[in-house]
N, C-alpha and C. Protein backbone atom coordinates (compact mmCIF):
# COMPACT_ATOMS: atom_id res chain seq x y z
N GLN A 1 0.65 -1.15 -0.06
CA GLN A 1 0.02 -0.03 -0.04
C GLN A 1 0.84 1.24 -0.10
N LEU A 2 0.54 2.25 -0.89
CA LEU A 2 1.22 3.51 -1.06
C LEU A 2 0.30 4.50 -0.38
N GLN A 3 0.93 5.55 0.30
CA GLN A 3 0.28 6.60 0.80
C GLN A 3 0.99 7.87 0.17
N LEU A 4 0.13 8.81 -0.29
CA LEU A 4 0.62 9.99 -0.92
C LEU A 4 -0.02 11.08 -0.12
N VAL A 5 0.82 12.16 0.40
CA VAL A 5 0.37 13.25 0.82
C VAL A 5 0.87 14.54 0.08
N GLU A 6 0.06 15.35 -0.54
CA GLU A 6 0.23 16.68 -1.08
C GLU A 6 0.46 17.66 -0.25
N SER A 7 1.22 18.66 -0.64
CA SER A 7 1.31 19.98 0.04
C SER A 7 1.72 21.14 -0.85
N GLY A 8 1.53 22.34 -0.36
CA GLY A 8 2.01 23.44 -1.25
C GLY A 8 0.91 24.18 -2.09
N GLY A 9 -0.36 23.79 -1.97
CA GLY A 9 -1.47 24.40 -2.63
C GLY A 9 -1.61 25.96 -1.91
N GLY A 10 -2.43 26.71 -2.47
CA GLY A 10 -2.80 28.17 -1.87
C GLY A 10 -3.40 28.98 -2.94
N SER A 11 -3.48 30.16 -2.58
CA SER A 11 -4.06 31.20 -3.42
C SER A 11 -3.01 32.04 -3.96
N VAL A 12 -3.09 32.42 -5.18
CA VAL A 12 -2.09 33.36 -5.87
C VAL A 12 -2.80 34.06 -7.00
N GLN A 13 -2.34 35.33 -7.26
CA GLN A 13 -2.78 35.97 -8.31
C GLN A 13 -2.25 35.51 -9.78
N ALA A 14 -2.85 35.73 -10.62
CA ALA A 14 -2.58 35.44 -12.08
C ALA A 14 -1.15 35.78 -12.46
N GLY A 15 -0.23 34.97 -13.02
CA GLY A 15 1.04 35.22 -13.28
C GLY A 15 1.89 34.82 -12.17
N GLY A 16 1.38 34.29 -11.13
CA GLY A 16 2.41 34.14 -10.05
C GLY A 16 2.66 32.56 -10.30
N SER A 17 3.38 31.98 -9.05
CA SER A 17 3.99 30.75 -9.04
C SER A 17 3.60 29.77 -7.75
N LEU A 18 3.43 28.66 -7.94
CA LEU A 18 3.45 27.72 -6.73
C LEU A 18 4.07 26.46 -6.95
N ARG A 19 4.50 25.92 -6.01
CA ARG A 19 5.13 24.66 -6.00
C ARG A 19 4.42 23.51 -5.24
N LEU A 20 3.95 22.48 -5.80
CA LEU A 20 3.39 21.47 -5.17
C LEU A 20 4.32 20.33 -4.75
N SER A 21 4.15 19.68 -3.62
CA SER A 21 4.90 18.45 -3.46
C SER A 21 4.03 17.40 -2.93
N CYS A 22 4.43 16.23 -3.37
CA CYS A 22 3.91 14.96 -2.96
C CYS A 22 4.89 13.79 -2.26
N LYS A 23 4.43 13.67 -1.04
CA LYS A 23 5.55 12.87 -0.27
C LYS A 23 4.88 11.51 -0.41
N VAL A 24 5.64 10.42 -0.95
CA VAL A 24 5.18 9.04 -1.06
C VAL A 24 5.64 8.12 -0.17
N SER A 25 5.07 7.39 0.50
CA SER A 25 5.52 6.25 1.53
C SER A 25 4.84 4.96 1.20
N PRO A 26 5.69 3.78 1.37
CA PRO A 26 7.10 3.86 1.95
C PRO A 26 8.03 4.36 0.73
N PHE A 27 7.85 4.04 -0.30
CA PHE A 27 8.86 4.36 -1.47
C PHE A 27 8.20 4.31 -2.84
N ILE A 28 8.87 4.99 -3.74
CA ILE A 28 8.44 5.17 -5.16
C ILE A 28 9.14 3.92 -5.93
N GLY A 29 8.46 2.91 -6.40
CA GLY A 29 9.19 1.92 -7.02
C GLY A 29 9.90 2.24 -8.30
N LYS A 30 10.75 1.66 -8.91
CA LYS A 30 11.51 2.01 -10.14
C LYS A 30 10.64 1.92 -11.37
N THR A 31 9.66 1.03 -11.25
CA THR A 31 8.73 0.83 -12.31
C THR A 31 7.66 1.80 -12.46
N ALA A 32 7.31 2.38 -11.41
CA ALA A 32 6.14 3.25 -11.15
C ALA A 32 6.06 4.44 -12.12
N SER A 33 4.89 4.80 -12.53
CA SER A 33 4.51 6.15 -12.99
C SER A 33 3.92 6.85 -11.99
N ILE A 34 4.14 8.25 -12.00
CA ILE A 34 3.51 9.01 -10.86
C ILE A 34 3.23 10.21 -11.61
N GLY A 35 2.08 11.01 -11.13
CA GLY A 35 1.69 12.16 -11.62
C GLY A 35 1.01 13.16 -10.89
N TRP A 36 0.53 14.20 -11.56
CA TRP A 36 -0.48 15.20 -11.10
C TRP A 36 -1.56 15.27 -11.82
N PHE A 37 -2.73 15.39 -11.03
CA PHE A 37 -4.06 15.54 -11.84
C PHE A 37 -4.74 16.75 -11.07
N ARG A 38 -5.80 17.28 -11.81
CA ARG A 38 -6.41 18.19 -11.24
C ARG A 38 -7.94 18.12 -11.61
N GLU A 39 -8.75 18.58 -10.66
CA GLU A 39 -10.24 18.41 -10.88
C GLU A 39 -11.11 19.67 -10.34
N GLU A 40 -12.01 20.21 -11.26
CA GLU A 40 -12.82 21.18 -11.00
C GLU A 40 -14.32 20.67 -10.71
N PRO A 41 -14.84 21.36 -9.95
CA PRO A 41 -16.30 20.88 -9.60
C PRO A 41 -17.20 20.66 -10.84
N GLY A 42 -17.82 19.59 -11.01
CA GLY A 42 -18.46 19.34 -12.19
C GLY A 42 -17.90 18.77 -13.42
N LYS A 43 -16.48 18.72 -13.36
CA LYS A 43 -15.62 18.28 -14.47
C LYS A 43 -14.81 17.10 -14.15
N GLU A 44 -14.54 16.37 -15.27
CA GLU A 44 -13.63 15.11 -15.13
C GLU A 44 -12.37 15.52 -14.71
N ARG A 45 -11.74 14.48 -13.88
CA ARG A 45 -10.48 14.54 -13.50
C ARG A 45 -9.39 14.69 -14.55
N GLU A 46 -8.45 15.52 -14.61
CA GLU A 46 -7.49 15.82 -15.70
C GLU A 46 -6.11 15.65 -15.35
N GLY A 47 -5.44 14.60 -16.18
CA GLY A 47 -3.87 14.50 -15.98
C GLY A 47 -3.19 15.68 -16.32
N VAL A 48 -2.48 16.23 -15.70
CA VAL A 48 -1.81 17.47 -15.66
C VAL A 48 -0.31 17.29 -16.18
N ALA A 49 0.39 16.41 -15.49
CA ALA A 49 1.89 16.08 -15.77
C ALA A 49 2.00 14.72 -15.33
N ALA A 50 2.99 13.72 -15.64
CA ALA A 50 3.20 12.64 -15.18
C ALA A 50 4.79 12.25 -15.69
N ILE A 51 5.25 11.33 -14.89
CA ILE A 51 6.70 10.72 -15.24
C ILE A 51 6.57 9.36 -15.11
N ASP A 52 7.23 8.68 -15.91
CA ASP A 52 7.27 7.17 -15.90
C ASP A 52 8.56 6.72 -15.25
N GLY A 53 8.72 5.33 -15.12
CA GLY A 53 9.79 4.75 -14.47
C GLY A 53 11.21 4.96 -15.18
N ASP A 54 11.06 5.49 -16.62
CA ASP A 54 12.27 5.65 -17.28
C ASP A 54 12.66 7.25 -17.26
N GLY A 55 11.75 7.89 -16.56
CA GLY A 55 12.03 9.36 -16.56
C GLY A 55 11.39 10.22 -17.69
N ASN A 56 10.59 9.59 -18.44
CA ASN A 56 9.87 10.34 -19.69
C ASN A 56 8.80 11.00 -18.96
N THR A 57 8.63 12.29 -19.39
CA THR A 57 7.57 13.08 -18.86
C THR A 57 6.44 13.43 -19.93
N LYS A 58 5.29 13.73 -19.53
CA LYS A 58 4.04 14.05 -20.30
C LYS A 58 3.40 15.10 -19.51
N TYR A 59 3.12 16.10 -20.24
CA TYR A 59 2.16 17.20 -19.94
C TYR A 59 0.98 17.50 -20.78
N THR A 60 -0.09 17.92 -20.01
CA THR A 60 -1.23 18.31 -20.92
C THR A 60 -0.95 19.62 -21.62
N ASP A 61 -1.53 19.81 -22.73
CA ASP A 61 -1.18 20.87 -23.74
C ASP A 61 -1.36 22.19 -23.01
N SER A 62 -2.29 22.34 -22.20
CA SER A 62 -2.60 23.62 -21.40
C SER A 62 -1.45 24.17 -20.52
N VAL A 63 -0.79 23.32 -19.94
CA VAL A 63 0.33 23.66 -19.09
C VAL A 63 1.95 23.56 -19.74
N LYS A 64 2.06 23.19 -20.90
CA LYS A 64 3.23 23.10 -21.35
C LYS A 64 3.96 24.31 -21.44
N GLY A 65 5.20 24.30 -20.99
CA GLY A 65 5.90 25.47 -20.95
C GLY A 65 5.83 26.19 -19.61
N ARG A 66 4.81 26.01 -18.90
CA ARG A 66 4.52 26.75 -17.59
C ARG A 66 4.72 25.94 -16.36
N PHE A 67 4.50 24.45 -16.47
CA PHE A 67 4.64 23.49 -15.43
C PHE A 67 5.83 22.65 -15.56
N THR A 68 6.39 22.25 -14.56
CA THR A 68 7.47 21.40 -14.62
C THR A 68 7.47 20.35 -13.58
N ILE A 69 7.41 19.03 -13.90
CA ILE A 69 7.20 17.93 -13.04
C ILE A 69 8.66 17.35 -12.70
N SER A 70 9.10 17.06 -11.62
CA SER A 70 10.26 16.51 -11.17
C SER A 70 10.08 15.58 -9.88
N LEU A 71 10.82 14.54 -10.11
CA LEU A 71 10.95 13.41 -9.12
C LEU A 71 12.27 13.14 -8.48
N ASP A 72 12.20 13.22 -6.97
CA ASP A 72 13.38 12.87 -6.41
C ASP A 72 13.16 11.48 -5.62
N ASN A 73 13.78 10.57 -6.23
CA ASN A 73 13.83 9.10 -5.66
C ASN A 73 14.21 8.83 -4.35
N GLY A 74 15.11 9.74 -4.15
CA GLY A 74 15.92 9.56 -2.77
C GLY A 74 15.06 9.99 -1.78
N LYS A 75 14.25 11.08 -1.91
CA LYS A 75 13.29 11.83 -1.09
C LYS A 75 11.95 11.23 -1.12
N ASN A 76 11.60 10.44 -2.12
CA ASN A 76 10.36 9.94 -2.46
C ASN A 76 9.45 11.06 -2.40
N THR A 77 9.81 12.10 -3.34
CA THR A 77 8.95 13.18 -3.46
C THR A 77 8.78 13.66 -4.91
N LEU A 78 7.53 13.98 -5.29
CA LEU A 78 7.26 14.45 -6.61
C LEU A 78 6.79 15.93 -6.40
N ASP A 79 7.38 16.78 -7.22
CA ASP A 79 7.11 18.05 -7.29
C ASP A 79 6.38 18.54 -8.55
N LEU A 80 5.58 19.62 -8.37
CA LEU A 80 5.05 20.30 -9.62
C LEU A 80 5.45 21.76 -9.65
N LEU A 81 6.12 22.31 -10.23
CA LEU A 81 6.47 23.81 -10.23
C LEU A 81 5.52 24.27 -11.13
N MET A 82 4.74 25.21 -10.88
CA MET A 82 3.65 25.87 -11.67
C MET A 82 3.94 27.40 -11.68
N ASN A 83 4.35 27.77 -12.78
CA ASN A 83 4.60 29.26 -13.10
C ASN A 83 3.62 29.85 -14.11
N SER A 84 3.54 31.13 -14.18
CA SER A 84 2.67 31.72 -14.96
C SER A 84 1.20 31.30 -14.99
N LEU A 85 0.85 31.25 -13.48
CA LEU A 85 -0.52 30.61 -13.27
C LEU A 85 -1.66 31.46 -13.92
N LYS A 86 -2.83 30.75 -14.27
CA LYS A 86 -3.88 31.36 -14.82
C LYS A 86 -5.11 31.00 -14.03
N PRO A 87 -6.22 31.87 -14.07
CA PRO A 87 -7.34 31.58 -13.34
C PRO A 87 -7.84 30.15 -13.77
N GLU A 88 -7.62 29.71 -15.07
CA GLU A 88 -8.09 28.37 -15.50
C GLU A 88 -7.47 27.34 -14.85
N ASP A 89 -6.21 27.53 -14.11
CA ASP A 89 -5.59 26.50 -13.53
C ASP A 89 -6.25 26.24 -12.20
N THR A 90 -7.18 26.94 -11.66
CA THR A 90 -7.68 26.67 -10.38
C THR A 90 -8.53 25.41 -10.24
N ALA A 91 -8.16 24.64 -9.21
CA ALA A 91 -8.75 23.16 -9.31
C ALA A 91 -8.08 22.65 -7.95
N MET A 92 -8.59 21.46 -7.60
CA MET A 92 -8.12 20.77 -6.62
C MET A 92 -6.96 19.63 -7.36
N TYR A 93 -5.76 19.75 -6.83
CA TYR A 93 -4.71 19.07 -7.51
C TYR A 93 -4.51 17.83 -6.67
N TYR A 94 -4.35 16.84 -7.37
CA TYR A 94 -3.94 15.29 -6.62
C TYR A 94 -2.69 14.88 -7.19
N CYS A 95 -2.09 14.27 -6.41
CA CYS A 95 -0.91 13.39 -6.79
C CYS A 95 -1.30 11.90 -6.70
N ALA A 96 -0.83 11.26 -7.68
CA ALA A 96 -1.35 9.67 -7.92
C ALA A 96 -0.09 8.97 -8.31
N ALA A 97 -0.15 7.54 -8.16
CA ALA A 97 0.84 6.68 -8.54
C ALA A 97 0.16 5.41 -9.10
N ASP A 98 1.02 4.81 -10.15
CA ASP A 98 0.71 3.54 -10.47
C ASP A 98 2.08 2.64 -10.43
N PRO A 99 1.83 1.77 -9.56
CA PRO A 99 3.17 1.09 -9.33
C PRO A 99 3.52 0.16 -10.41
N LEU A 100 2.69 -0.04 -11.35
CA LEU A 100 3.03 -1.02 -12.40
C LEU A 100 3.58 -0.31 -13.68
N GLY A 101 3.28 1.07 -13.53
CA GLY A 101 3.83 1.85 -14.68
C GLY A 101 3.28 1.36 -16.14
N LYS A 102 1.98 1.21 -16.21
CA LYS A 102 1.32 0.70 -17.33
C LYS A 102 1.57 1.50 -18.53
N THR A 103 1.79 2.80 -18.65
CA THR A 103 1.96 3.65 -19.67
C THR A 103 3.26 4.28 -19.70
N SER A 104 3.99 4.08 -20.88
CA SER A 104 5.21 4.79 -21.07
C SER A 104 4.92 6.14 -21.61
N TYR A 105 5.60 7.24 -21.31
CA TYR A 105 5.33 8.55 -21.75
C TYR A 105 6.51 8.93 -22.80
N TYR A 106 7.13 8.05 -23.35
CA TYR A 106 8.07 8.07 -24.22
C TYR A 106 7.60 8.85 -25.57
N SER A 107 6.33 8.21 -25.80
CA SER A 107 5.71 8.42 -27.20
C SER A 107 4.98 9.81 -27.02
N GLU A 108 4.94 10.51 -28.01
CA GLU A 108 4.06 12.00 -28.03
C GLU A 108 2.71 11.64 -28.02
N TYR A 109 2.31 10.38 -28.27
CA TYR A 109 0.74 10.15 -28.25
C TYR A 109 0.26 9.51 -27.10
N ALA A 110 1.32 9.25 -26.16
CA ALA A 110 0.77 8.70 -24.78
C ALA A 110 -0.08 9.84 -24.14
N GLU A 111 -0.86 9.26 -23.31
CA GLU A 111 -1.86 10.19 -22.55
C GLU A 111 -1.99 9.71 -21.11
N ILE A 112 -2.00 10.91 -20.21
CA ILE A 112 -2.14 10.56 -18.83
C ILE A 112 -3.57 10.17 -18.55
N ASN A 113 -3.78 8.91 -18.12
CA ASN A 113 -5.04 8.22 -17.96
C ASN A 113 -5.22 7.97 -16.51
N PRO A 114 -6.28 8.79 -15.82
CA PRO A 114 -6.41 8.81 -14.52
C PRO A 114 -6.71 7.01 -13.89
N PRO A 115 -7.59 6.40 -14.69
CA PRO A 115 -7.95 5.32 -14.27
C PRO A 115 -6.66 4.14 -14.03
N GLU A 116 -5.56 4.46 -14.76
CA GLU A 116 -4.58 3.62 -14.63
C GLU A 116 -3.66 3.75 -13.20
N PHE A 117 -4.25 4.76 -12.49
CA PHE A 117 -3.32 5.25 -11.25
C PHE A 117 -4.12 4.67 -10.21
N SER A 118 -3.64 3.82 -9.29
CA SER A 118 -4.42 3.20 -8.24
C SER A 118 -4.24 3.75 -6.94
N TYR A 119 -3.23 4.61 -6.76
CA TYR A 119 -3.09 5.14 -5.38
C TYR A 119 -3.07 6.67 -5.55
N TRP A 120 -3.99 7.22 -4.72
CA TRP A 120 -4.19 8.74 -4.75
C TRP A 120 -3.83 9.45 -3.41
N GLY A 121 -3.38 10.82 -3.53
CA GLY A 121 -3.52 11.49 -2.18
C GLY A 121 -4.96 12.15 -2.01
N GLN A 122 -4.93 12.96 -1.07
CA GLN A 122 -6.17 13.73 -0.69
C GLN A 122 -6.52 14.89 -1.40
N GLY A 123 -5.34 15.46 -1.88
CA GLY A 123 -5.70 16.68 -2.76
C GLY A 123 -5.07 17.92 -2.15
N THR A 124 -4.80 18.92 -2.90
CA THR A 124 -4.51 20.10 -2.31
C THR A 124 -5.10 21.32 -3.24
N GLN A 125 -5.62 22.31 -2.83
CA GLN A 125 -6.51 23.22 -3.60
C GLN A 125 -5.46 24.32 -4.02
N VAL A 126 -5.76 24.63 -5.37
CA VAL A 126 -4.74 25.84 -5.86
C VAL A 126 -5.98 26.56 -6.68
N THR A 127 -5.78 28.01 -6.16
CA THR A 127 -6.79 29.05 -6.56
C THR A 127 -6.04 30.21 -7.11
N VAL A 128 -6.30 30.57 -8.42
CA VAL A 128 -5.77 31.59 -9.17
C VAL A 128 -6.59 32.71 -9.44
N SER A 129 -6.51 33.86 -8.80
CA SER A 129 -7.27 34.82 -9.01
C SER A 129 -6.73 35.99 -9.95
N SER A 130 -7.66 36.60 -10.91
CA SER A 130 -7.42 37.43 -11.86
C SER A 130 -7.15 38.72 -11.41
């Protein structure tokens, strides 16, 4: 069983930055994929950024060039640096892990698919005001 705990959410003005962190215990396996997702009330959960066991990363189009995902295996921590935040980035952000690493993000056609992730954190709220 994995436990994931997010931190770092908050309120920021448009154009600002936030760094989300996800602490995974007991540890992140070498084959695991791990990523960040977000959900707005009444909308489907969306994959924001993910990294697979080979270090390949994937971003949803709306955050490319603004968000950066990074994994520290030694600290079992996954970060999401969010720059140039926009009001449309407002959502609850979740960290999730797929220990089996079902999807490789090597291909540009790969998608971040929430049902493939079996372990989820409780979420952290990000609010961006205009």
